[in-house]
Amino acid sequence: MSRKAEAHKIYEERVVNDSLARLAERLDLKGLPFSDEELKSLAKRHRESFRNPEKRGERLARYKAVKPWGSTPTA
Protein backbone atom coordinates (compact mmCIF):
# COMPACT_ATOMS: atom_id res chain seq x y z
CA MET A 1 0.00 0.00 0.00
CA SER A 2 1.39 3.39 -0.95
CA ARG A 3 1.99 6.10 1.61
CA LYS A 4 -0.77 8.22 0.14
CA ALA A 5 -3.29 5.36 0.30
CA GLU A 6 -2.24 4.50 3.83
CA ALA A 7 -2.53 8.14 4.93
CA HIS A 8 -6.00 8.36 3.37
CA LYS A 9 -7.08 5.18 5.14
CA ILE A 10 -5.86 6.55 8.48
CA TYR A 11 -7.63 9.86 7.82
CA GLU A 12 -10.92 8.15 6.97
CA GLU A 13 -10.70 6.00 10.10
CA ARG A 14 -10.11 9.10 12.23
CA VAL A 15 -13.04 10.95 10.65
CA VAL A 16 -15.38 8.00 11.22
CA ASN A 17 -14.26 7.62 14.84
CA ASP A 18 -14.68 11.36 15.47
CA SER A 19 -18.15 11.42 13.95
CA LEU A 20 -19.22 8.42 16.03
CA ALA A 21 -17.82 10.09 19.16
CA ARG A 22 -19.82 13.27 18.44
CA LEU A 23 -22.93 11.20 17.81
CA ALA A 24 -22.38 9.32 21.08
CA GLU A 25 -22.52 12.64 22.94
CA ARG A 26 -26.11 13.10 21.74
CA LEU A 27 -27.38 9.51 21.55
CA ASP A 28 -26.93 6.33 23.53
CA LEU A 29 -25.07 4.26 20.95
CA LYS A 30 -24.63 1.36 23.38
CA GLY A 31 -28.42 1.05 23.56
CA LEU A 32 -28.64 0.37 19.83
CA PRO A 33 -28.63 -3.25 18.64
CA PHE A 34 -25.36 -2.75 16.69
CA SER A 35 -21.81 -3.78 17.45
CA ASP A 36 -18.94 -1.29 17.18
CA GLU A 37 -17.91 -2.77 13.83
CA GLU A 38 -21.45 -2.42 12.48
CA LEU A 39 -21.61 1.22 13.59
CA LYS A 40 -18.29 1.92 11.87
CA SER A 41 -19.51 0.19 8.72
CA LEU A 42 -22.70 2.27 8.70
CA ALA A 43 -20.71 5.47 9.20
CA LYS A 44 -18.33 4.56 6.36
CA ARG A 45 -21.23 3.79 4.01
CA HIS A 46 -22.89 7.07 4.91
CA ARG A 47 -19.71 8.99 4.08
CA GLU A 48 -19.39 7.12 0.78
CA SER A 49 -22.99 7.77 -0.21
CA PHE A 50 -22.76 11.44 0.74
CA ARG A 51 -19.70 11.96 -1.45
CA ASN A 52 -20.73 9.65 -4.29
CA PRO A 53 -24.44 9.72 -5.23
CA GLU A 54 -23.92 7.21 -8.06
CA LYS A 55 -22.62 4.63 -5.61
CA ARG A 56 -25.59 5.35 -3.33
CA GLY A 57 -27.98 4.73 -6.21
CA GLU A 58 -26.30 1.47 -7.14
CA ARG A 59 -26.41 0.22 -3.55
CA LEU A 60 -30.06 1.20 -3.19
CA ALA A 61 -30.91 -0.62 -6.43
CA ARG A 62 -29.20 -3.78 -5.12
CA TYR A 63 -31.17 -3.58 -1.87
CA LYS A 64 -34.44 -3.11 -3.73
CA ALA A 65 -33.65 -6.06 -6.03
CA VAL A 66 -33.28 -8.44 -3.08
CA LYS A 67 -36.59 -7.49 -1.40
CA PRO A 68 -36.01 -9.18 1.96
CA TRP A 69 -39.59 -8.39 3.01
CA GLY A 70 -41.10 -10.84 0.51
CA SER A 71 -42.51 -10.73 -2.96
CA THR A 72 -45.51 -8.52 -2.15
CA PRO A 73 -45.21 -5.59 0.24
CA THR A 74 -48.06 -5.15 2.69
CA ALA A 75 -49.87 -1.85 3.06
PDB file of N, CA and C in Angstrom:
ATOM      1  N   MET A   1       0.849  -1.169   0.000  1.00  0.00           N
ATOM      2  CA  MET A   1       0.000   0.000   0.000  1.00  0.00           C
ATOM      3  C   MET A   1       0.900   1.239   0.000  1.00  0.00           C
ATOM      4  N   SER A   2       0.576   2.179  -0.857  1.00  0.00           N
ATOM      5  CA  SER A   2       1.393   3.388  -0.952  1.00  0.00           C
ATOM      6  C   SER A   2       1.186   4.263   0.281  1.00  0.00           C
ATOM      7  N   ARG A   3       2.102   5.192   0.464  1.00  0.00           N
ATOM      8  CA  ARG A   3       1.991   6.103   1.606  1.00  0.00           C
ATOM      9  C   ARG A   3       0.724   6.940   1.525  1.00  0.00           C
ATOM     10  N   LYS A   4       0.415   7.383   0.320  1.00  0.00           N
ATOM     11  CA  LYS A   4      -0.766   8.223   0.141  1.00  0.00           C
ATOM     12  C   LYS A   4      -2.036   7.438   0.479  1.00  0.00           C
ATOM     13  N   ALA A   5      -2.131   6.202   0.011  1.00  0.00           N
ATOM     14  CA  ALA A   5      -3.292   5.365   0.297  1.00  0.00           C
ATOM     15  C   ALA A   5      -3.383   5.055   1.788  1.00  0.00           C
ATOM     16  N   GLU A   6      -2.247   4.785   2.409  1.00  0.00           N
ATOM     17  CA  GLU A   6      -2.242   4.499   3.834  1.00  0.00           C
ATOM     18  C   GLU A   6      -2.647   5.728   4.644  1.00  0.00           C
ATOM     19  N   ALA A   7      -2.156   6.902   4.245  1.00  0.00           N
ATOM     20  CA  ALA A   7      -2.526   8.143   4.928  1.00  0.00           C
ATOM     21  C   ALA A   7      -4.017   8.425   4.775  1.00  0.00           C
ATOM     22  N   HIS A   8      -4.574   8.143   3.592  1.00  0.00           N
ATOM     23  CA  HIS A   8      -6.002   8.360   3.370  1.00  0.00           C
ATOM     24  C   HIS A   8      -6.830   7.403   4.226  1.00  0.00           C
ATOM     25  N   LYS A   9      -6.383   6.167   4.328  1.00  0.00           N
ATOM     26  CA  LYS A   9      -7.082   5.178   5.141  1.00  0.00           C
ATOM     27  C   LYS A   9      -7.083   5.597   6.619  1.00  0.00           C
ATOM     28  N   ILE A  10      -5.958   6.089   7.099  1.00  0.00           N
ATOM     29  CA  ILE A  10      -5.864   6.554   8.483  1.00  0.00           C
ATOM     30  C   ILE A  10      -6.767   7.765   8.700  1.00  0.00           C
ATOM     31  N   TYR A  11      -6.774   8.673   7.732  1.00  0.00           N
ATOM     32  CA  TYR A  11      -7.625   9.860   7.823  1.00  0.00           C
ATOM     33  C   TYR A  11      -9.097   9.470   7.876  1.00  0.00           C
ATOM     34  N   GLU A  12      -9.527   8.584   6.991  1.00  0.00           N
ATOM     35  CA  GLU A  12     -10.923   8.151   6.971  1.00  0.00           C
ATOM     36  C   GLU A  12     -11.310   7.481   8.293  1.00  0.00           C
ATOM     37  N   GLU A  13     -10.425   6.667   8.820  1.00  0.00           N
ATOM     38  CA  GLU A  13     -10.698   6.002  10.100  1.00  0.00           C
ATOM     39  C   GLU A  13     -10.860   7.035  11.212  1.00  0.00           C
ATOM     40  N   ARG A  14     -10.020   8.055  11.214  1.00  0.00           N
ATOM     41  CA  ARG A  14     -10.106   9.100  12.226  1.00  0.00           C
ATOM     42  C   ARG A  14     -11.410   9.894  12.099  1.00  0.00           C
ATOM     43  N   VAL A  15     -11.800  10.204  10.869  1.00  0.00           N
ATOM     44  CA  VAL A  15     -13.043  10.948  10.646  1.00  0.00           C
ATOM     45  C   VAL A  15     -14.242  10.142  11.117  1.00  0.00           C
ATOM     46  N   VAL A  16     -14.265   8.861  10.799  1.00  0.00           N
ATOM     47  CA  VAL A  16     -15.379   7.997  11.215  1.00  0.00           C
ATOM     48  C   VAL A  16     -15.431   7.908  12.735  1.00  0.00           C
ATOM     49  N   ASN A  17     -14.286   7.711  13.377  1.00  0.00           N
ATOM     50  CA  ASN A  17     -14.258   7.625  14.837  1.00  0.00           C
ATOM     51  C   ASN A  17     -14.703   8.932  15.482  1.00  0.00           C
ATOM     52  N   ASP A  18     -14.267  10.064  14.937  1.00  0.00           N
ATOM     53  CA  ASP A  18     -14.676  11.361  15.471  1.00  0.00           C
ATOM     54  C   ASP A  18     -16.174  11.584  15.315  1.00  0.00           C
ATOM     55  N   SER A  19     -16.717  11.219  14.157  1.00  0.00           N
ATOM     56  CA  SER A  19     -18.153  11.419  13.954  1.00  0.00           C
ATOM     57  C   SER A  19     -18.971  10.524  14.879  1.00  0.00           C
ATOM     58  N   LEU A  20     -18.515   9.301  15.102  1.00  0.00           N
ATOM     59  CA  LEU A  20     -19.224   8.423  16.033  1.00  0.00           C
ATOM     60  C   LEU A  20     -19.120   8.944  17.463  1.00  0.00           C
ATOM     61  N   ALA A  21     -17.977   9.527  17.817  1.00  0.00           N
ATOM     62  CA  ALA A  21     -17.815  10.095  19.157  1.00  0.00           C
ATOM     63  C   ALA A  21     -18.758  11.284  19.358  1.00  0.00           C
ATOM     64  N   ARG A  22     -18.890  12.143  18.339  1.00  0.00           N
ATOM     65  CA  ARG A  22     -19.819  13.273  18.436  1.00  0.00           C
ATOM     66  C   ARG A  22     -21.261  12.795  18.519  1.00  0.00           C
ATOM     67  N   LEU A  23     -21.585  11.759  17.767  1.00  0.00           N
ATOM     68  CA  LEU A  23     -22.930  11.203  17.810  1.00  0.00           C
ATOM     69  C   LEU A  23     -23.220  10.575  19.171  1.00  0.00           C
ATOM     70  N   ALA A  24     -22.221   9.955  19.766  1.00  0.00           N
ATOM     71  CA  ALA A  24     -22.383   9.317  21.077  1.00  0.00           C
ATOM     72  C   ALA A  24     -22.653  10.343  22.168  1.00  0.00           C
ATOM     73  N   GLU A  25     -22.229  11.591  21.960  1.00  0.00           N
ATOM     74  CA  GLU A  25     -22.520  12.637  22.938  1.00  0.00           C
ATOM     75  C   GLU A  25     -24.006  12.959  22.969  1.00  0.00           C
ATOM     76  N   ARG A  26     -24.689  12.771  21.835  1.00  0.00           N
ATOM     77  CA  ARG A  26     -26.111  13.098  21.736  1.00  0.00           C
ATOM     78  C   ARG A  26     -27.022  11.892  21.913  1.00  0.00           C
ATOM     79  N   LEU A  27     -26.557  10.725  21.504  1.00  0.00           N
ATOM     80  CA  LEU A  27     -27.375   9.513  21.553  1.00  0.00           C
ATOM     81  C   LEU A  27     -26.689   8.431  22.371  1.00  0.00           C
ATOM     82  N   ASP A  28     -27.475   7.491  22.835  1.00  0.00           N
ATOM     83  CA  ASP A  28     -26.932   6.332  23.535  1.00  0.00           C
ATOM     84  C   ASP A  28     -26.636   5.246  22.502  1.00  0.00           C
ATOM     85  N   LEU A  29     -25.421   5.235  21.977  1.00  0.00           N
ATOM     86  CA  LEU A  29     -25.069   4.257  20.950  1.00  0.00           C
ATOM     87  C   LEU A  29     -25.000   2.841  21.501  1.00  0.00           C
ATOM     88  N   LYS A  30     -24.705   2.699  22.781  1.00  0.00           N
ATOM     89  CA  LYS A  30     -24.629   1.363  23.377  1.00  0.00           C
ATOM     90  C   LYS A  30     -26.017   0.734  23.488  1.00  0.00           C
ATOM     91  N   GLY A  31     -27.059   1.559  23.484  1.00  0.00           N
ATOM     92  CA  GLY A  31     -28.419   1.054  23.564  1.00  0.00           C
ATOM     93  C   GLY A  31     -28.936   0.536  22.230  1.00  0.00           C
ATOM     94  N   LEU A  32     -28.235   0.849  21.148  1.00  0.00           N
ATOM     95  CA  LEU A  32     -28.643   0.374  19.832  1.00  0.00           C
ATOM     96  C   LEU A  32     -28.222  -1.078  19.638  1.00  0.00           C
ATOM     97  N   PRO A  33     -28.956  -1.825  18.821  1.00  0.00           N
ATOM     98  CA  PRO A  33     -28.627  -3.249  18.638  1.00  0.00           C
ATOM     99  C   PRO A  33     -27.508  -3.479  17.612  1.00  0.00           C
ATOM    100  N   PHE A  34     -26.474  -2.629  17.627  1.00  0.00           N
ATOM    101  CA  PHE A  34     -25.359  -2.753  16.691  1.00  0.00           C
ATOM    102  C   PHE A  34     -24.049  -2.896  17.443  1.00  0.00           C
ATOM    103  N   SER A  35     -23.147  -3.671  16.875  1.00  0.00           N
ATOM    104  CA  SER A  35     -21.812  -3.776  17.449  1.00  0.00           C
ATOM    105  C   SER A  35     -20.987  -2.572  17.007  1.00  0.00           C
ATOM    106  N   ASP A  36     -19.805  -2.403  17.565  1.00  0.00           N
ATOM    107  CA  ASP A  36     -18.937  -1.292  17.184  1.00  0.00           C
ATOM    108  C   ASP A  36     -18.547  -1.380  15.711  1.00  0.00           C
ATOM    109  N   GLU A  37     -18.280  -2.585  15.240  1.00  0.00           N
ATOM    110  CA  GLU A  37     -17.913  -2.768  13.830  1.00  0.00           C
ATOM    111  C   GLU A  37     -19.072  -2.397  12.907  1.00  0.00           C
ATOM    112  N   GLU A  38     -20.284  -2.767  13.299  1.00  0.00           N
ATOM    113  CA  GLU A  38     -21.447  -2.425  12.484  1.00  0.00           C
ATOM    114  C   GLU A  38     -21.678  -0.916  12.437  1.00  0.00           C
ATOM    115  N   LEU A  39     -21.469  -0.237  13.567  1.00  0.00           N
ATOM    116  CA  LEU A  39     -21.610   1.216  13.587  1.00  0.00           C
ATOM    117  C   LEU A  39     -20.574   1.874  12.689  1.00  0.00           C
ATOM    118  N   LYS A  40     -19.339   1.369  12.737  1.00  0.00           N
ATOM    119  CA  LYS A  40     -18.290   1.922  11.872  1.00  0.00           C
ATOM    120  C   LYS A  40     -18.620   1.678  10.402  1.00  0.00           C
ATOM    121  N   SER A  41     -19.139   0.505  10.100  1.00  0.00           N
ATOM    122  CA  SER A  41     -19.508   0.188   8.722  1.00  0.00           C
ATOM    123  C   SER A  41     -20.615   1.110   8.230  1.00  0.00           C
ATOM    124  N   LEU A  42     -21.621   1.361   9.076  1.00  0.00           N
ATOM    125  CA  LEU A  42     -22.700   2.272   8.699  1.00  0.00           C
ATOM    126  C   LEU A  42     -22.185   3.685   8.485  1.00  0.00           C
ATOM    127  N   ALA A  43     -21.271   4.130   9.345  1.00  0.00           N
ATOM    128  CA  ALA A  43     -20.712   5.473   9.203  1.00  0.00           C
ATOM    129  C   ALA A  43     -19.894   5.589   7.917  1.00  0.00           C
ATOM    130  N   LYS A  44     -19.124   4.545   7.593  1.00  0.00           N
ATOM    131  CA  LYS A  44     -18.330   4.563   6.358  1.00  0.00           C
ATOM    132  C   LYS A  44     -19.238   4.596   5.135  1.00  0.00           C
ATOM    133  N   ARG A  45     -20.296   3.806   5.149  1.00  0.00           N
ATOM    134  CA  ARG A  45     -21.230   3.795   4.009  1.00  0.00           C
ATOM    135  C   ARG A  45     -21.934   5.135   3.862  1.00  0.00           C
ATOM    136  N   HIS A  46     -22.248   5.757   4.978  1.00  0.00           N
ATOM    137  CA  HIS A  46     -22.891   7.068   4.907  1.00  0.00           C
ATOM    138  C   HIS A  46     -21.947   8.083   4.280  1.00  0.00           C
ATOM    139  N   ARG A  47     -20.688   8.065   4.670  1.00  0.00           N
ATOM    140  CA  ARG A  47     -19.710   8.988   4.079  1.00  0.00           C
ATOM    141  C   ARG A  47     -19.557   8.727   2.583  1.00  0.00           C
ATOM    142  N   GLU A  48     -19.512   7.460   2.197  1.00  0.00           N
ATOM    143  CA  GLU A  48     -19.388   7.119   0.778  1.00  0.00           C
ATOM    144  C   GLU A  48     -20.600   7.606  -0.010  1.00  0.00           C
ATOM    145  N   SER A  49     -21.793   7.387   0.525  1.00  0.00           N
ATOM    146  CA  SER A  49     -22.989   7.774  -0.212  1.00  0.00           C
ATOM    147  C   SER A  49     -23.147   9.285  -0.271  1.00  0.00           C
ATOM    148  N   PHE A  50     -22.678   9.985   0.741  1.00  0.00           N
ATOM    149  CA  PHE A  50     -22.763  11.441   0.740  1.00  0.00           C
ATOM    150  C   PHE A  50     -21.844  12.026  -0.324  1.00  0.00           C
ATOM    151  N   ARG A  51     -20.666  11.440  -0.480  1.00  0.00           N
ATOM    152  CA  ARG A  51     -19.697  11.959  -1.452  1.00  0.00           C
ATOM    153  C   ARG A  51     -19.937  11.437  -2.854  1.00  0.00           C
ATOM    154  N   ASN A  52     -20.594  10.288  -2.990  1.00  0.00           N
ATOM    155  CA  ASN A  52     -20.730   9.653  -4.292  1.00  0.00           C
ATOM    156  C   ASN A  52     -22.180   9.208  -4.508  1.00  0.00           C
ATOM    157  N   PRO A  53     -23.026  10.080  -5.057  1.00  0.00           N
ATOM    158  CA  PRO A  53     -24.435   9.718  -5.228  1.00  0.00           C
ATOM    159  C   PRO A  53     -24.658   8.553  -6.181  1.00  0.00           C
ATOM    160  N   GLU A  54     -23.760   8.354  -7.159  1.00  0.00           N
ATOM    161  CA  GLU A  54     -23.918   7.214  -8.063  1.00  0.00           C
ATOM    162  C   GLU A  54     -23.791   5.897  -7.305  1.00  0.00           C
ATOM    163  N   LYS A  55     -22.826   5.837  -6.412  1.00  0.00           N
ATOM    164  CA  LYS A  55     -22.624   4.632  -5.614  1.00  0.00           C
ATOM    165  C   LYS A  55     -23.835   4.382  -4.713  1.00  0.00           C
ATOM    166  N   ARG A  56     -24.402   5.464  -4.169  1.00  0.00           N
ATOM    167  CA  ARG A  56     -25.590   5.349  -3.333  1.00  0.00           C
ATOM    168  C   ARG A  56     -26.740   4.762  -4.141  1.00  0.00           C
ATOM    169  N   GLY A  57     -26.915   5.239  -5.360  1.00  0.00           N
ATOM    170  CA  GLY A  57     -27.983   4.732  -6.214  1.00  0.00           C
ATOM    171  C   GLY A  57     -27.807   3.266  -6.554  1.00  0.00           C
ATOM    172  N   GLU A  58     -26.569   2.873  -6.835  1.00  0.00           N
ATOM    173  CA  GLU A  58     -26.300   1.467  -7.145  1.00  0.00           C
ATOM    174  C   GLU A  58     -26.595   0.579  -5.936  1.00  0.00           C
ATOM    175  N   ARG A  59     -26.175   1.014  -4.761  1.00  0.00           N
ATOM    176  CA  ARG A  59     -26.405   0.220  -3.549  1.00  0.00           C
ATOM    177  C   ARG A  59     -27.897   0.118  -3.265  1.00  0.00           C
ATOM    178  N   LEU A  60     -28.623   1.222  -3.423  1.00  0.00           N
ATOM    179  CA  LEU A  60     -30.059   1.202  -3.193  1.00  0.00           C
ATOM    180  C   LEU A  60     -30.764   0.276  -4.181  1.00  0.00           C
ATOM    181  N   ALA A  61     -30.326   0.272  -5.431  1.00  0.00           N
ATOM    182  CA  ALA A  61     -30.914  -0.618  -6.431  1.00  0.00           C
ATOM    183  C   ALA A  61     -30.667  -2.084  -6.069  1.00  0.00           C
ATOM    184  N   ARG A  62     -29.482  -2.398  -5.551  1.00  0.00           N
ATOM    185  CA  ARG A  62     -29.196  -3.776  -5.123  1.00  0.00           C
ATOM    186  C   ARG A  62     -30.095  -4.182  -3.967  1.00  0.00           C
ATOM    187  N   TYR A  63     -30.299  -3.272  -2.994  1.00  0.00           N
ATOM    188  CA  TYR A  63     -31.168  -3.582  -1.867  1.00  0.00           C
ATOM    189  C   TYR A  63     -32.601  -3.802  -2.322  1.00  0.00           C
ATOM    190  N   LYS A  64     -33.072  -2.974  -3.244  1.00  0.00           N
ATOM    191  CA  LYS A  64     -34.441  -3.115  -3.730  1.00  0.00           C
ATOM    192  C   LYS A  64     -34.613  -4.393  -4.532  1.00  0.00           C
ATOM    193  N   ALA A  65     -33.565  -4.836  -5.226  1.00  0.00           N
ATOM    194  CA  ALA A  65     -33.649  -6.057  -6.030  1.00  0.00           C
ATOM    195  C   ALA A  65     -33.802  -7.295  -5.153  1.00  0.00           C
ATOM    196  N   VAL A  66     -33.232  -7.279  -3.967  1.00  0.00           N
ATOM    197  CA  VAL A  66     -33.276  -8.443  -3.080  1.00  0.00           C
ATOM    198  C   VAL A  66     -34.654  -8.595  -2.447  1.00  0.00           C
ATOM    199  N   LYS A  67     -35.273  -7.512  -2.045  1.00  0.00           N
ATOM    200  CA  LYS A  67     -36.594  -7.488  -1.405  1.00  0.00           C
ATOM    201  C   LYS A  67     -36.680  -8.500  -0.250  1.00  0.00           C
ATOM    202  N   PRO A  68     -35.990  -8.225   0.838  1.00  0.00           N
ATOM    203  CA  PRO A  68     -36.013  -9.176   1.961  1.00  0.00           C
ATOM    204  C   PRO A  68     -37.369  -9.288   2.659  1.00  0.00           C
ATOM    205  N   TRP A  69     -38.287  -8.362   2.357  1.00  0.00           N
ATOM    206  CA  TRP A  69     -39.594  -8.392   3.009  1.00  0.00           C
ATOM    207  C   TRP A  69     -40.595  -9.287   2.303  1.00  0.00           C
ATOM    208  N   GLY A  70     -40.193  -9.941   1.217  1.00  0.00           N
ATOM    209  CA  GLY A  70     -41.097 -10.845   0.507  1.00  0.00           C
ATOM    210  C   GLY A  70     -41.437 -10.326  -0.862  1.00  0.00           C
ATOM    211  N   SER A  71     -42.218 -11.089  -1.591  1.00  0.00           N
ATOM    212  CA  SER A  71     -42.514 -10.730  -2.958  1.00  0.00           C
ATOM    213  C   SER A  71     -43.559  -9.623  -3.069  1.00  0.00           C
ATOM    214  N   THR A  72     -44.478  -9.558  -2.097  1.00  0.00           N
ATOM    215  CA  THR A  72     -45.509  -8.519  -2.155  1.00  0.00           C
ATOM    216  C   THR A  72     -45.472  -7.696  -0.869  1.00  0.00           C
ATOM    217  N   PRO A  73     -45.213  -6.417  -0.981  1.00  0.00           N
ATOM    218  CA  PRO A  73     -45.214  -5.588   0.242  1.00  0.00           C
ATOM    219  C   PRO A  73     -46.630  -5.413   0.767  1.00  0.00           C
ATOM    220  N   THR A  74     -46.739  -5.336   2.078  1.00  0.00           N
ATOM    221  CA  THR A  74     -48.055  -5.152   2.686  1.00  0.00           C
ATOM    222  C   THR A  74     -48.292  -3.681   2.955  1.00  0.00           C
ATOM    223  N   ALA A  75     -49.528  -3.264   2.869  1.00  0.00           N
ATOM    224  CA  ALA A  75     -49.869  -1.853   3.064  1.00  0.00           C
ATOM    225  C   ALA A  75     -50.223  -1.586   4.509  1.00  0.00           C
TER     226      ALA A  75
END
